[in-house]
C-alpha atoms as a PDB file:
ATOM      1  CA  MET A   1     -72.167  99.996 -44.805  1.00  0.00           C
ATOM      2  CA  GLY A   2     -69.009  98.129 -45.707  1.00  0.00           C
ATOM      3  CA  ASN A   3     -70.990  95.518 -47.627  1.00  0.00           C
ATOM      4  CA  PRO A   4     -71.186  96.303 -51.325  1.00  0.00           C
ATOM      5  CA  PHE A   5     -72.104  92.653 -51.827  1.00  0.00           C
ATOM      6  CA  VAL A   6     -75.578  93.201 -50.384  1.00  0.00           C
ATOM      7  CA  PHE A   7     -77.013  93.616 -53.890  1.00  0.00           C
ATOM      8  CA  GLU A   8     -75.720  90.215 -54.941  1.00  0.00           C
ATOM      9  CA  GLU A   9     -77.240  88.755 -51.787  1.00  0.00           C
ATOM     10  CA  ILE A  10     -80.607  90.332 -52.598  1.00  0.00           C
ATOM     11  CA  ASN A  11     -80.461  89.087 -56.190  1.00  0.00           C
ATOM     12  CA  ALA A  12     -79.692  85.565 -54.987  1.00  0.00           C
ATOM     13  CA  TYR A  13     -82.692  85.671 -52.658  1.00  0.00           C
ATOM     14  CA  PHE A  14     -85.092  86.772 -55.396  1.00  0.00           C
ATOM     15  CA  GLU A  15     -83.652  84.257 -57.852  1.00  0.00           C
ATOM     16  CA  GLY A  16     -84.038  81.447 -55.313  1.00  0.00           C
ATOM     17  CA  ARG A  17     -80.375  80.561 -55.258  1.00  0.00           C
ATOM     18  CA  GLU A  18     -77.904  80.234 -52.431  1.00  0.00           C
ATOM     19  CA  TYR A  19     -75.782  83.268 -51.668  1.00  0.00           C
ATOM     20  CA  VAL A  20     -72.135  82.563 -50.931  1.00  0.00           C
ATOM     21  CA  LYS A  21     -70.384  85.291 -48.984  1.00  0.00           C
ATOM     22  CA  PRO A  22     -67.109  86.489 -50.510  1.00  0.00           C
ATOM     23  CA  ASN A  23     -63.983  85.517 -48.636  1.00  0.00           C
ATOM     24  CA  LEU A  24     -61.927  88.076 -46.756  1.00  0.00           C
ATOM     25  CA  GLU A  25     -59.387  88.507 -49.546  1.00  0.00           C
ATOM     26  CA  THR A  26     -62.180  89.493 -51.934  1.00  0.00           C
ATOM     27  CA  ARG A  27     -63.783  91.831 -49.405  1.00  0.00           C
ATOM     28  CA  LEU A  28     -60.529  93.647 -48.730  1.00  0.00           C
ATOM     29  CA  SER A  29     -59.652  93.800 -52.414  1.00  0.00           C
ATOM     30  CA  VAL A  30     -62.980  95.508 -53.076  1.00  0.00           C
ATOM     31  CA  CYS A  31     -62.306  97.856 -50.150  1.00  0.00           C
ATOM     32  CA  GLN A  32     -58.929  98.868 -51.558  1.00  0.00           C
ATOM     33  CA  ASN A  33     -60.378  99.329 -55.035  1.00  0.00           C
ATOM     34  CA  GLN A  34     -63.206 101.474 -53.652  1.00  0.00           C
ATOM     35  CA  ILE A  35     -60.761 103.729 -51.814  1.00  0.00           C
ATOM     36  CA  GLU A  36     -58.458 103.996 -54.845  1.00  0.00           C
ATOM     37  CA  LEU A  37     -61.421 105.120 -56.961  1.00  0.00           C
ATOM     38  CA  MET A  38     -62.452 107.630 -54.323  1.00  0.00           C
ATOM     39  CA  HIS A  39     -58.892 108.960 -54.285  1.00  0.00           C
ATOM     40  CA  LYS A  40     -58.877 109.217 -58.079  1.00  0.00           C
ATOM     41  CA  TYR A  41     -62.208 110.989 -58.503  1.00  0.00           C
ATOM     42  CA  LYS A  42     -62.450 113.104 -55.351  1.00  0.00           C
ATOM     43  CA  ASP A  43     -60.205 115.575 -53.662  1.00  0.00           C
ATOM     44  CA  PRO A  44     -57.432 113.285 -52.356  1.00  0.00           C
ATOM     45  CA  ARG A  45     -57.534 114.756 -48.832  1.00  0.00           C
ATOM     46  CA  ASN A  46     -61.296 114.284 -48.554  1.00  0.00           C
ATOM     47  CA  ALA A  47     -61.015 110.794 -50.014  1.00  0.00           C
ATOM     48  CA  ILE A  48     -58.509 109.779 -47.344  1.00  0.00           C
ATOM     49  CA  LEU A  49     -60.719 111.178 -44.602  1.00  0.00           C
ATOM     50  CA  GLU A  50     -63.695 109.229 -45.979  1.00  0.00           C
ATOM     51  CA  ALA A  51     -61.491 106.154 -46.328  1.00  0.00           C
ATOM     52  CA  ARG A  52     -61.107 106.053 -42.556  1.00  0.00           C
ATOM     53  CA  LYS A  53     -64.837 105.475 -42.157  1.00  0.00           C
ATOM     54  CA  HIS A  54     -65.299 103.116 -45.102  1.00  0.00           C
ATOM     55  CA  THR A  55     -62.302 100.935 -44.282  1.00  0.00           C
ATOM     56  CA  ALA A  56     -63.464 100.615 -40.669  1.00  0.00           C
ATOM     57  CA  TRP A  57     -66.827  99.269 -41.888  1.00  0.00           C
ATOM     58  CA  TYR A  58     -65.055  96.478 -43.757  1.00  0.00           C
ATOM     59  CA  MET A  59     -63.363  95.398 -40.495  1.00  0.00           C
ATOM     60  CA  GLN A  60     -66.622  94.522 -38.729  1.00  0.00           C
ATOM     61  CA  GLY A  61     -66.743  90.984 -37.417  1.00  0.00           C
ATOM     62  CA  LEU A  62     -63.047  90.252 -37.807  1.00  0.00           C
ATOM     63  CA  ASN A  63     -60.665  88.993 -35.154  1.00  0.00           C
ATOM     64  CA  GLY A  64     -58.908  92.055 -33.787  1.00  0.00           C
ATOM     65  CA  ALA A  65     -61.553  94.355 -35.277  1.00  0.00           C
ATOM     66  CA  ALA A  66     -61.294  96.971 -32.528  1.00  0.00           C
ATOM     67  CA  ALA A  67     -57.562  97.455 -33.086  1.00  0.00           C
ATOM     68  CA  LEU A  68     -58.040  97.433 -36.863  1.00  0.00           C
ATOM     69  CA  ARG A  69     -60.752 100.098 -36.614  1.00  0.00           C
ATOM     70  CA  ARG A  70     -58.445 102.195 -34.435  1.00  0.00           C
ATOM     71  CA  MET A  71     -55.827 101.940 -37.170  1.00  0.00           C
ATOM     72  CA  CYS A  72     -58.448 103.004 -39.699  1.00  0.00           C
ATOM     73  CA  GLY A  73     -58.981 106.203 -37.750  1.00  0.00           C
ATOM     74  CA  GLU A  74     -55.330 107.081 -38.408  1.00  0.00           C
ATOM     75  CA  ILE A  75     -55.253 106.507 -42.184  1.00  0.00           C
ATOM     76  CA  ASN A  76     -53.234 109.186 -43.978  1.00  0.00           C
ATOM     77  CA  SER A  77     -52.444 107.472 -47.288  1.00  0.00           C
ATOM     78  CA  LEU A  78     -53.378 104.612 -49.589  1.00  0.00           C
ATOM     79  CA  ALA A  79     -50.354 102.729 -48.237  1.00  0.00           C
ATOM     80  CA  ASP A  80     -51.911 102.798 -44.756  1.00  0.00           C
ATOM     81  CA  ILE A  81     -54.983 101.028 -46.120  1.00  0.00           C
ATOM     82  CA  GLU A  82     -52.841  98.312 -47.646  1.00  0.00           C
ATOM     83  CA  ILE A  83     -51.091  97.786 -44.303  1.00  0.00           C
ATOM     84  CA  ILE A  84     -54.410  97.517 -42.469  1.00  0.00           C
ATOM     85  CA  CYS A  85     -55.760  95.031 -45.012  1.00  0.00           C
ATOM     86  CA  GLU A  86     -52.615  92.900 -44.724  1.00  0.00           C
ATOM     87  CA  LYS A  87     -52.932  92.906 -40.939  1.00  0.00           C
ATOM     88  CA  ALA A  88     -56.611  91.910 -41.194  1.00  0.00           C
ATOM     89  CA  LEU A  89     -55.690  88.982 -43.454  1.00  0.00           C
ATOM     90  CA  GLU A  90     -52.880  87.975 -41.107  1.00  0.00           C
ATOM     91  CA  GLN A  91     -55.196  87.955 -38.091  1.00  0.00           C
ATOM     92  CA  ASN A  92     -58.029  86.135 -39.893  1.00  0.00           C
ATOM     93  CA  PRO A  93     -56.466  83.344 -41.989  1.00  0.00           C
ATOM     94  CA  ASP A  94     -59.561  81.180 -41.553  1.00  0.00           C
ATOM     95  CA  LEU A  95     -61.649  83.688 -43.534  1.00  0.00           C
ATOM     96  CA  CYS A  96     -59.406  83.702 -46.617  1.00  0.00           C
END
């Protein structure tokens, strides 16, 4: 959950090559893209409700994760997701 990169990690293992985790900017970009696609192809209200859960998964392991996850529980629009992602980047510059 919150790790769509797991398939690349598995492929790297089976191919005998080193897996390099994506940086935080990439992770959050993928998160935003995922939610935008959900919003486009699903009922927008349901997509936003699901976005709360999915966005929170992406916040695991970050500095300030508890507060970020709390913010995720209050998402009401795509703009809210952008704000949360910006805050995550701001609080975790070493992961960019």
